[in-house]
C-alpha atoms as a PDB file:
ATOM      1  CA  MET A   1      96.965  51.381 311.681  1.00  0.00           C
ATOM      2  CA  LEU A   2      99.264  51.253 314.456  1.00  0.00           C
ATOM      3  CA  ARG A   3     102.399  49.253 313.669  1.00  0.00           C
ATOM      4  CA  ARG A   4     104.513  48.494 317.074  1.00  0.00           C
ATOM      5  CA  THR A   5     107.986  47.985 316.548  1.00  0.00           C
ATOM      6  CA  SER A   6     111.096  48.370 318.319  1.00  0.00           C
ATOM      7  CA  TRP A   7     113.086  51.779 317.934  1.00  0.00           C
ATOM      8  CA  HIS A   8     115.584  50.229 315.533  1.00  0.00           C
ATOM      9  CA  ARG A   9     113.063  48.686 313.274  1.00  0.00           C
ATOM     10  CA  ALA A  10     111.624  52.381 313.227  1.00  0.00           C
ATOM     11  CA  LEU A  11     114.682  53.511 311.335  1.00  0.00           C
ATOM     12  CA  ARG A  12     113.786  51.729 308.339  1.00  0.00           C
ATOM     13  CA  THR A  13     110.912  50.546 306.195  1.00  0.00           C
ATOM     14  CA  GLY A  14     110.366  47.447 304.368  1.00  0.00           C
ATOM     15  CA  PRO A  15     108.116  46.610 301.060  1.00  0.00           C
ATOM     16  CA  GLY A  16     105.247  45.585 303.564  1.00  0.00           C
ATOM     17  CA  LEU A  17     105.369  49.090 304.843  1.00  0.00           C
ATOM     18  CA  MET A  18     105.180  51.052 301.776  1.00  0.00           C
ATOM     19  CA  SER A  19     101.692  50.068 300.005  1.00  0.00           C
ATOM     20  CA  GLY A  20     101.098  53.801 298.839  1.00  0.00           C
ATOM     21  CA  LYS A  21      97.316  53.763 299.852  1.00  0.00           C
ATOM     22  CA  SER A  22      95.292  56.964 300.352  1.00  0.00           C
ATOM     23  CA  ASN A  23      93.511  57.906 303.154  1.00  0.00           C
ATOM     24  CA  ILE A  24      89.589  58.777 302.757  1.00  0.00           C
ATOM     25  CA  ARG A  25      90.008  62.199 301.501  1.00  0.00           C
ATOM     26  CA  GLY A  26      92.501  60.582 298.756  1.00  0.00           C
ATOM     27  CA  ASP A  27      95.383  62.535 300.339  1.00  0.00           C
ATOM     28  CA  ALA A  28      98.773  60.417 300.104  1.00  0.00           C
ATOM     29  CA  MET A  29      99.848  58.965 303.488  1.00  0.00           C
ATOM     30  CA  ALA A  30     103.490  59.088 304.531  1.00  0.00           C
ATOM     31  CA  VAL A  31     105.083  55.753 306.093  1.00  0.00           C
ATOM     32  CA  SER A  32     106.270  55.599 309.574  1.00  0.00           C
ATOM     33  CA  GLY A  33     108.134  52.325 310.540  1.00  0.00           C
ATOM     34  CA  LYS A  34     106.654  52.223 314.122  1.00  0.00           C
ATOM     35  CA  TYR A  35     103.091  54.075 313.591  1.00  0.00           C
ATOM     36  CA  GLY A  36     102.433  52.835 309.789  1.00  0.00           C
ATOM     37  CA  GLN A  37     100.606  55.090 307.269  1.00  0.00           C
ATOM     38  CA  ILE A  38     100.088  58.568 308.483  1.00  0.00           C
ATOM     39  CA  ASN A  39      98.656  61.612 306.586  1.00  0.00           C
ATOM     40  CA  ILE A  40     101.276  64.402 306.304  1.00  0.00           C
ATOM     41  CA  PRO A  41     100.539  67.196 303.569  1.00  0.00           C
ATOM     42  CA  LYS A  42     103.153  67.429 300.944  1.00  0.00           C
ATOM     43  CA  VAL A  43     104.711  63.872 301.830  1.00  0.00           C
ATOM     44  CA  LYS A  44     104.690  61.251 299.070  1.00  0.00           C
ATOM     45  CA  ALA A  45     102.645  58.006 299.700  1.00  0.00           C
ATOM     46  CA  ASP A  46     105.916  55.756 299.917  1.00  0.00           C
ATOM     47  CA  GLU A  47     108.261  58.347 301.698  1.00  0.00           C
ATOM     48  CA  PRO A  48     109.637  57.276 304.994  1.00  0.00           C
ATOM     49  CA  VAL A  49     109.037  59.334 308.243  1.00  0.00           C
ATOM     50  CA  PHE A  50     110.601  59.539 311.648  1.00  0.00           C
ATOM     51  CA  ILE A  51     108.418  60.745 314.261  1.00  0.00           C
ATOM     52  CA  LEU A  52     109.430  62.322 317.750  1.00  0.00           C
ATOM     53  CA  ARG A  53     106.794  62.481 320.316  1.00  0.00           C
ATOM     54  CA  ALA A  54     106.882  64.902 323.241  1.00  0.00           C
ATOM     55  CA  GLN A  55     106.638  62.098 325.707  1.00  0.00           C
ATOM     56  CA  ASP A  56     109.993  60.680 324.514  1.00  0.00           C
ATOM     57  CA  LYS A  57     112.583  61.949 327.164  1.00  0.00           C
ATOM     58  CA  LEU A  58     115.017  62.094 324.340  1.00  0.00           C
ATOM     59  CA  ALA A  59     113.144  64.111 321.717  1.00  0.00           C
ATOM     60  CA  GLN A  60     113.946  67.607 322.794  1.00  0.00           C
ATOM     61  CA  ASP A  61     117.756  67.002 322.792  1.00  0.00           C
ATOM     62  CA  ALA A  62     117.309  65.194 319.316  1.00  0.00           C
ATOM     63  CA  ILE A  63     115.742  68.043 317.988  1.00  0.00           C
ATOM     64  CA  GLN A  64     118.403  70.422 319.493  1.00  0.00           C
ATOM     65  CA  MET A  65     121.091  68.054 317.754  1.00  0.00           C
ATOM     66  CA  TYR A  66     119.293  68.246 314.389  1.00  0.00           C
ATOM     67  CA  LYS A  67     119.031  72.022 314.812  1.00  0.00           C
ATOM     68  CA  ILE A  68     122.858  72.003 315.226  1.00  0.00           C
ATOM     69  CA  LEU A  69     123.463  70.062 312.405  1.00  0.00           C
ATOM     70  CA  ALA A  70     121.045  71.791 310.052  1.00  0.00           C
ATOM     71  CA  GLY A  71     122.723  74.904 311.326  1.00  0.00           C
ATOM     72  CA  SER A  72     126.280  73.519 310.162  1.00  0.00           C
ATOM     73  CA  HIS A  73     124.915  73.083 306.477  1.00  0.00           C
ATOM     74  CA  ASP A  74     123.425  76.794 306.587  1.00  0.00           C
ATOM     75  CA  SER A  75     119.998  75.529 306.579  1.00  0.00           C
ATOM     76  CA  LYS A  76     117.110  77.972 306.982  1.00  0.00           C
ATOM     77  CA  LEU A  77     115.391  75.280 309.128  1.00  0.00           C
ATOM     78  CA  ALA A  78     118.010  75.473 311.988  1.00  0.00           C
ATOM     79  CA  GLY A  79     116.513  79.165 313.031  1.00  0.00           C
ATOM     80  CA  LYS A  80     112.785  77.743 313.035  1.00  0.00           C
ATOM     81  CA  LEU A  81     113.474  74.578 315.135  1.00  0.00           C
ATOM     82  CA  ASP A  82     113.962  76.971 318.326  1.00  0.00           C
ATOM     83  CA  GLU A  83     109.972  77.114 318.157  1.00  0.00           C
ATOM     84  CA  GLU A  84     109.492  73.209 318.224  1.00  0.00           C
ATOM     85  CA  ILE A  85     112.098  72.890 320.852  1.00  0.00           C
ATOM     86  CA  GLU A  86     110.015  75.433 322.950  1.00  0.00           C
ATOM     87  CA  ARG A  87     106.947  73.512 322.262  1.00  0.00           C
ATOM     88  CA  PHE A  88     108.491  70.235 323.457  1.00  0.00           C
ATOM     89  CA  SER A  89     109.754  71.819 326.766  1.00  0.00           C
ATOM     90  CA  LYS A  90     106.239  73.474 327.298  1.00  0.00           C
ATOM     91  CA  TRP A  91     104.284  70.109 326.877  1.00  0.00           C
ATOM     92  CA  ASP A  92     103.279  69.020 330.511  1.00  0.00           C
ATOM     93  CA  GLY A  93     102.563  65.315 330.076  1.00  0.00           C
ATOM     94  CA  PRO A  94     104.392  62.392 331.260  1.00  0.00           C
ATOM     95  CA  LYS A  95     107.694  61.467 329.659  1.00  0.00           C
ATOM     96  CA  LYS A  96     109.160  58.245 329.454  1.00  0.00           C
ATOM     97  CA  MET A  97     112.276  56.721 327.572  1.00  0.00           C
ATOM     98  CA  PRO A  98     111.267  55.761 324.039  1.00  0.00           C
ATOM     99  CA  ASP A  99     110.348  52.079 323.148  1.00  0.00           C
END
């Protein structure tokens, strides 16, 4: 199911989005305010997620900011985000402002 909403609605989820349904394999599906239910291993069925796509002109900077924030809290994740930033920078598809 593809749910199209404005970006500010993607920051929250409502009761209608958190149905907790499973996919065909029976795995729990995470809930995105913008994209609806998506299969992400180890994410509970009703857990909201926020997705950054490589086509988003702001995504790479957002990940860099998250890295700085994670590092300021001594999170081990901070060191692992360089790989994701590199993957986003190497993606050669068209870029656009988020909608």
